[in-house]
């Protein structure tokens, strides 16, 4: 998403946050933006905020102020609805781990096809990392999830080819290689894994 679209996404997500937290849904449709934006979730919000922070200088002063206001809103939501917010983080983390596991299984069965979709699918892995960070910040038990991530990362590394950053260069400062290594390269195609 472009920075202005990403800002609209976080603005509309925060406007729907109270309803979202009251619902049983992990992924919330932002109407009337459902055709333009992905479903809203805590992980999606955290990723967009991180991406926007990296591009802060590109935003006009009013948008920079709005970004700060959204950060403040999020902090107030964490304080006002701690249990509901924690439950969303836990449920989404579990859901994203399942989705990433399924993607890697799909890759192992159909490497050529699945490798092509890696740049789109890697958003799941980014959200997992940010949700783990958020869960730790909230004092949640994260060791089982961390063990699962480590096992999935071992599977990913077996087929990994290091390379250039997958997203726009301006985002690299928010997603450094040391932490977000899976954004710096690609999965091998069939010929490289003996398929």
C-alpha atoms as a PDB file:
ATOM      1  CA  UNK A   1       0.000   0.000   0.000  1.00  0.00           C
ATOM      2  CA  UNK A   2       1.043   3.572  -0.571  1.00  0.00           C
ATOM      3  CA  UNK A   3       1.618   5.583   2.638  1.00  0.00           C
ATOM      4  CA  UNK A   4      -1.618   7.556   2.255  1.00  0.00           C
ATOM      5  CA  UNK A   5      -3.587   4.310   1.749  1.00  0.00           C
ATOM      6  CA  UNK A   6      -1.870   2.727   4.718  1.00  0.00           C
ATOM      7  CA  UNK A   7      -2.784   5.730   6.856  1.00  0.00           C
ATOM      8  CA  UNK A   8      -6.423   5.410   5.758  1.00  0.00           C
ATOM      9  CA  UNK A   9      -6.278   1.710   6.655  1.00  0.00           C
ATOM     10  CA  UNK A  10      -5.050   2.404  10.211  1.00  0.00           C
ATOM     11  CA  UNK A  11      -7.463   5.331  10.644  1.00  0.00           C
ATOM     12  CA  UNK A  12     -10.468   3.256   9.588  1.00  0.00           C
ATOM     13  CA  UNK A  13      -9.264   0.286  11.608  1.00  0.00           C
ATOM     14  CA  UNK A  14      -8.948   2.367  14.742  1.00  0.00           C
ATOM     15  CA  UNK A  15     -12.425   3.838  14.121  1.00  0.00           C
ATOM     16  CA  UNK A  16     -13.776   0.266  14.087  1.00  0.00           C
ATOM     17  CA  UNK A  17     -11.581  -0.968  16.956  1.00  0.00           C
ATOM     18  CA  UNK A  18     -14.213  -0.986  19.690  1.00  0.00           C
ATOM     19  CA  UNK A  19     -16.647  -2.981  17.536  1.00  0.00           C
ATOM     20  CA  UNK A  20     -13.819  -5.261  16.414  1.00  0.00           C
ATOM     21  CA  UNK A  21     -12.749  -6.001  19.995  1.00  0.00           C
ATOM     22  CA  UNK A  22     -16.357  -6.720  20.981  1.00  0.00           C
ATOM     23  CA  UNK A  23     -16.769  -9.213  18.150  1.00  0.00           C
ATOM     24  CA  UNK A  24     -15.710 -12.852  17.898  1.00  0.00           C
ATOM     25  CA  UNK A  25     -13.907 -12.120  14.637  1.00  0.00           C
ATOM     26  CA  UNK A  26     -10.117 -12.127  14.286  1.00  0.00           C
ATOM     27  CA  UNK A  27     -10.283 -10.481  10.842  1.00  0.00           C
ATOM     28  CA  UNK A  28     -12.606  -7.509  10.447  1.00  0.00           C
ATOM     29  CA  UNK A  29     -13.932  -6.207   7.125  1.00  0.00           C
ATOM     30  CA  UNK A  30     -13.490  -2.448   6.818  1.00  0.00           C
ATOM     31  CA  UNK A  31     -16.538  -1.146   4.985  1.00  0.00           C
ATOM     32  CA  UNK A  32     -16.758   0.491   2.476  1.00  0.00           C
ATOM     33  CA  UNK A  33     -13.050  -0.248   1.889  1.00  0.00           C
ATOM     34  CA  UNK A  34     -13.309  -4.052   1.681  1.00  0.00           C
ATOM     35  CA  UNK A  35     -12.474  -4.093  -2.045  1.00  0.00           C
ATOM     36  CA  UNK A  36      -9.377  -1.936  -1.492  1.00  0.00           C
ATOM     37  CA  UNK A  37      -7.934  -3.006   1.855  1.00  0.00           C
ATOM     38  CA  UNK A  38      -7.193  -6.358   3.466  1.00  0.00           C
ATOM     39  CA  UNK A  39      -9.239  -7.367   6.481  1.00  0.00           C
ATOM     40  CA  UNK A  40      -8.311  -5.437   9.612  1.00  0.00           C
ATOM     41  CA  UNK A  41      -6.604  -7.183  12.540  1.00  0.00           C
ATOM     42  CA  UNK A  42      -4.174  -6.294  15.317  1.00  0.00           C
ATOM     43  CA  UNK A  43      -1.320  -7.808  13.298  1.00  0.00           C
ATOM     44  CA  UNK A  44      -2.309  -5.838  10.214  1.00  0.00           C
ATOM     45  CA  UNK A  45      -2.461  -2.661  12.267  1.00  0.00           C
ATOM     46  CA  UNK A  46       0.971  -3.287  13.789  1.00  0.00           C
ATOM     47  CA  UNK A  47       2.506  -3.970  10.374  1.00  0.00           C
ATOM     48  CA  UNK A  48       0.974  -0.847   8.848  1.00  0.00           C
ATOM     49  CA  UNK A  49       2.118   1.321  11.767  1.00  0.00           C
ATOM     50  CA  UNK A  50       5.655   0.000  11.376  1.00  0.00           C
ATOM     51  CA  UNK A  51       5.609   0.607   7.618  1.00  0.00           C
ATOM     52  CA  UNK A  52       4.248   4.131   8.122  1.00  0.00           C
ATOM     53  CA  UNK A  53       6.902   4.912  10.713  1.00  0.00           C
ATOM     54  CA  UNK A  54       9.583   4.018   8.157  1.00  0.00           C
ATOM     55  CA  UNK A  55       8.043   6.447   5.674  1.00  0.00           C
ATOM     56  CA  UNK A  56       7.229   9.193   8.145  1.00  0.00           C
ATOM     57  CA  UNK A  57       9.290  11.809   6.243  1.00  0.00           C
ATOM     58  CA  UNK A  58       7.209  11.173   3.119  1.00  0.00           C
ATOM     59  CA  UNK A  59       4.017  12.107   4.970  1.00  0.00           C
ATOM     60  CA  UNK A  60       2.790  15.700   5.137  1.00  0.00           C
ATOM     61  CA  UNK A  61       2.838  17.264   8.641  1.00  0.00           C
ATOM     62  CA  UNK A  62      -0.890  16.676   9.143  1.00  0.00           C
ATOM     63  CA  UNK A  63      -0.507  12.984   8.338  1.00  0.00           C
ATOM     64  CA  UNK A  64       2.487  12.703  10.684  1.00  0.00           C
ATOM     65  CA  UNK A  65       0.333  14.182  13.454  1.00  0.00           C
ATOM     66  CA  UNK A  66      -2.437  11.737  12.598  1.00  0.00           C
ATOM     67  CA  UNK A  67       0.016   8.835  12.817  1.00  0.00           C
ATOM     68  CA  UNK A  68       0.976   9.971  16.326  1.00  0.00           C
ATOM     69  CA  UNK A  69      -2.701  10.289  17.245  1.00  0.00           C
ATOM     70  CA  UNK A  70      -3.354   6.718  16.067  1.00  0.00           C
ATOM     71  CA  UNK A  71      -0.447   5.464  18.200  1.00  0.00           C
ATOM     72  CA  UNK A  72      -1.975   7.240  21.202  1.00  0.00           C
ATOM     73  CA  UNK A  73      -5.387   5.773  20.403  1.00  0.00           C
ATOM     74  CA  UNK A  74      -3.917   2.287  20.290  1.00  0.00           C
ATOM     75  CA  UNK A  75      -2.307   2.756  23.687  1.00  0.00           C
ATOM     76  CA  UNK A  76      -5.651   3.887  25.126  1.00  0.00           C
ATOM     77  CA  UNK A  77      -7.371   0.835  23.603  1.00  0.00           C
ATOM     78  CA  UNK A  78      -4.786  -1.484  25.213  1.00  0.00           C
ATOM     79  CA  UNK A  79      -5.538   0.117  28.581  1.00  0.00           C
ATOM     80  CA  UNK A  80      -9.324   0.341  28.201  1.00  0.00           C
ATOM     81  CA  UNK A  81      -9.895  -3.212  26.892  1.00  0.00           C
ATOM     82  CA  UNK A  82      -6.925  -5.250  28.143  1.00  0.00           C
ATOM     83  CA  UNK A  83      -8.614  -8.661  28.171  1.00  0.00           C
ATOM     84  CA  UNK A  84     -10.344  -8.289  24.819  1.00  0.00           C
ATOM     85  CA  UNK A  85      -7.177  -6.919  23.226  1.00  0.00           C
ATOM     86  CA  UNK A  86      -5.051  -9.768  24.625  1.00  0.00           C
ATOM     87  CA  UNK A  87      -7.522 -12.345  23.325  1.00  0.00           C
ATOM     88  CA  UNK A  88      -7.350 -10.838  19.830  1.00  0.00           C
ATOM     89  CA  UNK A  89      -3.543 -10.954  19.893  1.00  0.00           C
ATOM     90  CA  UNK A  90      -3.525 -14.589  21.075  1.00  0.00           C
ATOM     91  CA  UNK A  91      -6.120 -15.731  18.552  1.00  0.00           C
ATOM     92  CA  UNK A  92      -4.525 -13.922  15.637  1.00  0.00           C
ATOM     93  CA  UNK A  93      -1.069 -15.213  16.513  1.00  0.00           C
ATOM     94  CA  UNK A  94      -2.417 -18.762  16.476  1.00  0.00           C
ATOM     95  CA  UNK A  95      -4.262 -18.142  13.205  1.00  0.00           C
ATOM     96  CA  UNK A  96      -1.203 -16.606  11.507  1.00  0.00           C
ATOM     97  CA  UNK A  97       1.012 -19.486  12.669  1.00  0.00           C
ATOM     98  CA  UNK A  98      -1.453 -21.944  11.135  1.00  0.00           C
ATOM     99  CA  UNK A  99      -1.566 -19.961   7.882  1.00  0.00           C
ATOM    100  CA  UNK A 100       2.243 -19.804   7.658  1.00  0.00           C
ATOM    101  CA  UNK A 101       2.528 -23.523   8.352  1.00  0.00           C
ATOM    102  CA  UNK A 102      -0.008 -24.263   5.595  1.00  0.00           C
ATOM    103  CA  UNK A 103       1.881 -22.023   3.174  1.00  0.00           C
ATOM    104  CA  UNK A 104       5.161 -23.857   3.868  1.00  0.00           C
ATOM    105  CA  UNK A 105       3.407 -27.220   3.453  1.00  0.00           C
ATOM    106  CA  UNK A 106       1.997 -25.990   0.150  1.00  0.00           C
ATOM    107  CA  UNK A 107       5.490 -24.889  -0.881  1.00  0.00           C
ATOM    108  CA  UNK A 108       6.936 -28.306  -0.069  1.00  0.00           C
ATOM    109  CA  UNK A 109       4.222 -29.964  -2.200  1.00  0.00           C
ATOM    110  CA  UNK A 110       4.222 -27.453  -5.081  1.00  0.00           C
ATOM    111  CA  UNK A 111       7.482 -25.484  -4.813  1.00  0.00           C
ATOM    112  CA  UNK A 112       7.439 -23.764  -8.191  1.00  0.00           C
ATOM    113  CA  UNK A 113       3.935 -22.348  -7.780  1.00  0.00           C
ATOM    114  CA  UNK A 114       4.206 -21.507  -4.083  1.00  0.00           C
ATOM    115  CA  UNK A 115       7.629 -19.862  -4.441  1.00  0.00           C
ATOM    116  CA  UNK A 116       6.113 -17.321  -6.843  1.00  0.00           C
ATOM    117  CA  UNK A 117       3.596 -16.212  -4.202  1.00  0.00           C
ATOM    118  CA  UNK A 118       6.226 -15.814  -1.476  1.00  0.00           C
ATOM    119  CA  UNK A 119       6.386 -11.969  -1.661  1.00  0.00           C
ATOM    120  CA  UNK A 120       2.639 -11.812  -0.972  1.00  0.00           C
ATOM    121  CA  UNK A 121       2.653 -14.578   1.661  1.00  0.00           C
ATOM    122  CA  UNK A 122       5.599 -13.189   3.639  1.00  0.00           C
ATOM    123  CA  UNK A 123       3.275 -10.598   5.182  1.00  0.00           C
ATOM    124  CA  UNK A 124       2.018 -13.468   7.357  1.00  0.00           C
ATOM    125  CA  UNK A 125       5.517 -14.067   8.754  1.00  0.00           C
ATOM    126  CA  UNK A 126       5.968 -10.344   9.436  1.00  0.00           C
ATOM    127  CA  UNK A 127       2.692 -10.202  11.335  1.00  0.00           C
ATOM    128  CA  UNK A 128       3.721 -13.258  13.382  1.00  0.00           C
ATOM    129  CA  UNK A 129       6.886 -11.469  14.478  1.00  0.00           C
ATOM    130  CA  UNK A 130       5.029  -8.270  15.382  1.00  0.00           C
ATOM    131  CA  UNK A 131       2.284 -10.185  17.215  1.00  0.00           C
ATOM    132  CA  UNK A 132       4.907 -12.064  19.242  1.00  0.00           C
ATOM    133  CA  UNK A 133       6.476  -8.730  20.179  1.00  0.00           C
ATOM    134  CA  UNK A 134       3.048  -7.382  21.164  1.00  0.00           C
ATOM    135  CA  UNK A 135       2.219 -10.522  23.160  1.00  0.00           C
ATOM    136  CA  UNK A 136       5.469 -10.200  25.108  1.00  0.00           C
ATOM    137  CA  UNK A 137       4.749  -6.527  25.736  1.00  0.00           C
ATOM    138  CA  UNK A 138       1.360  -7.558  27.166  1.00  0.00           C
ATOM    139  CA  UNK A 139       2.960 -10.190  29.407  1.00  0.00           C
ATOM    140  CA  UNK A 140       1.417 -13.159  27.595  1.00  0.00           C
ATOM    141  CA  UNK A 141       3.012 -16.617  27.530  1.00  0.00           C
ATOM    142  CA  UNK A 142       4.807 -16.804  24.196  1.00  0.00           C
ATOM    143  CA  UNK A 143       7.236 -19.721  24.522  1.00  0.00           C
ATOM    144  CA  UNK A 144       5.003 -22.306  22.779  1.00  0.00           C
ATOM    145  CA  UNK A 145       4.464 -19.875  19.879  1.00  0.00           C
ATOM    146  CA  UNK A 146       8.189 -19.058  19.751  1.00  0.00           C
ATOM    147  CA  UNK A 147       9.051 -22.772  19.567  1.00  0.00           C
ATOM    148  CA  UNK A 148       6.577 -23.192  16.737  1.00  0.00           C
ATOM    149  CA  UNK A 149       8.068 -20.206  14.872  1.00  0.00           C
ATOM    150  CA  UNK A 150      11.577 -21.647  15.286  1.00  0.00           C
ATOM    151  CA  UNK A 151      10.446 -24.967  13.795  1.00  0.00           C
ATOM    152  CA  UNK A 152       8.755 -23.195  10.874  1.00  0.00           C
ATOM    153  CA  UNK A 153      11.829 -21.013  10.322  1.00  0.00           C
ATOM    154  CA  UNK A 154      14.008 -24.136  10.154  1.00  0.00           C
ATOM    155  CA  UNK A 155      11.760 -25.442   7.382  1.00  0.00           C
ATOM    156  CA  UNK A 156      11.976 -22.098   5.588  1.00  0.00           C
ATOM    157  CA  UNK A 157      15.772 -21.901   5.871  1.00  0.00           C
ATOM    158  CA  UNK A 158      16.172 -25.307   4.180  1.00  0.00           C
ATOM    159  CA  UNK A 159      14.835 -23.773   0.960  1.00  0.00           C
ATOM    160  CA  UNK A 160      16.029 -20.198   1.417  1.00  0.00           C
ATOM    161  CA  UNK A 161      18.069 -18.148  -1.058  1.00  0.00           C
ATOM    162  CA  UNK A 162      19.341 -14.863   0.463  1.00  0.00           C
ATOM    163  CA  UNK A 163      18.863 -11.853  -1.766  1.00  0.00           C
ATOM    164  CA  UNK A 164      17.607  -8.287  -2.006  1.00  0.00           C
ATOM    165  CA  UNK A 165      14.904  -6.770   0.180  1.00  0.00           C
ATOM    166  CA  UNK A 166      11.442  -7.705  -1.108  1.00  0.00           C
ATOM    167  CA  UNK A 167       9.683  -4.392  -0.452  1.00  0.00           C
ATOM    168  CA  UNK A 168      10.328  -0.739  -1.234  1.00  0.00           C
ATOM    169  CA  UNK A 169      13.767   0.429  -0.169  1.00  0.00           C
ATOM    170  CA  UNK A 170      12.291   3.081   2.171  1.00  0.00           C
ATOM    171  CA  UNK A 171      10.949   0.288   4.408  1.00  0.00           C
ATOM    172  CA  UNK A 172      14.319  -1.364   5.063  1.00  0.00           C
ATOM    173  CA  UNK A 173      15.067   0.761   8.133  1.00  0.00           C
ATOM    174  CA  UNK A 174      11.880  -0.535   9.796  1.00  0.00           C
ATOM    175  CA  UNK A 175      12.602  -4.148   8.822  1.00  0.00           C
ATOM    176  CA  UNK A 176      16.351  -4.726   9.322  1.00  0.00           C
ATOM    177  CA  UNK A 177      17.891  -7.913   7.928  1.00  0.00           C
ATOM    178  CA  UNK A 178      19.112  -9.134  11.357  1.00  0.00           C
ATOM    179  CA  UNK A 179      15.552  -9.486  12.637  1.00  0.00           C
ATOM    180  CA  UNK A 180      13.463  -9.791   9.474  1.00  0.00           C
ATOM    181  CA  UNK A 181      15.810 -12.018   7.444  1.00  0.00           C
ATOM    182  CA  UNK A 182      12.868 -13.641   5.622  1.00  0.00           C
ATOM    183  CA  UNK A 183      12.275 -10.311   3.810  1.00  0.00           C
ATOM    184  CA  UNK A 184      15.739 -10.508   2.228  1.00  0.00           C
ATOM    185  CA  UNK A 185      15.608 -13.245  -0.362  1.00  0.00           C
ATOM    186  CA  UNK A 186      13.313 -15.863  -1.838  1.00  0.00           C
ATOM    187  CA  UNK A 187      12.333 -19.509  -1.788  1.00  0.00           C
ATOM    188  CA  UNK A 188      14.001 -21.856  -4.299  1.00  0.00           C
ATOM    189  CA  UNK A 189      11.947 -23.127  -7.191  1.00  0.00           C
ATOM    190  CA  UNK A 190      11.440 -26.810  -8.017  1.00  0.00           C
ATOM    191  CA  UNK A 191      14.752 -27.285  -9.849  1.00  0.00           C
ATOM    192  CA  UNK A 192      16.750 -26.253  -6.776  1.00  0.00           C
ATOM    193  CA  UNK A 193      15.069 -28.657  -4.342  1.00  0.00           C
ATOM    194  CA  UNK A 194      15.109 -31.707  -6.551  1.00  0.00           C
ATOM    195  CA  UNK A 195      11.411 -31.728  -7.363  1.00  0.00           C
END
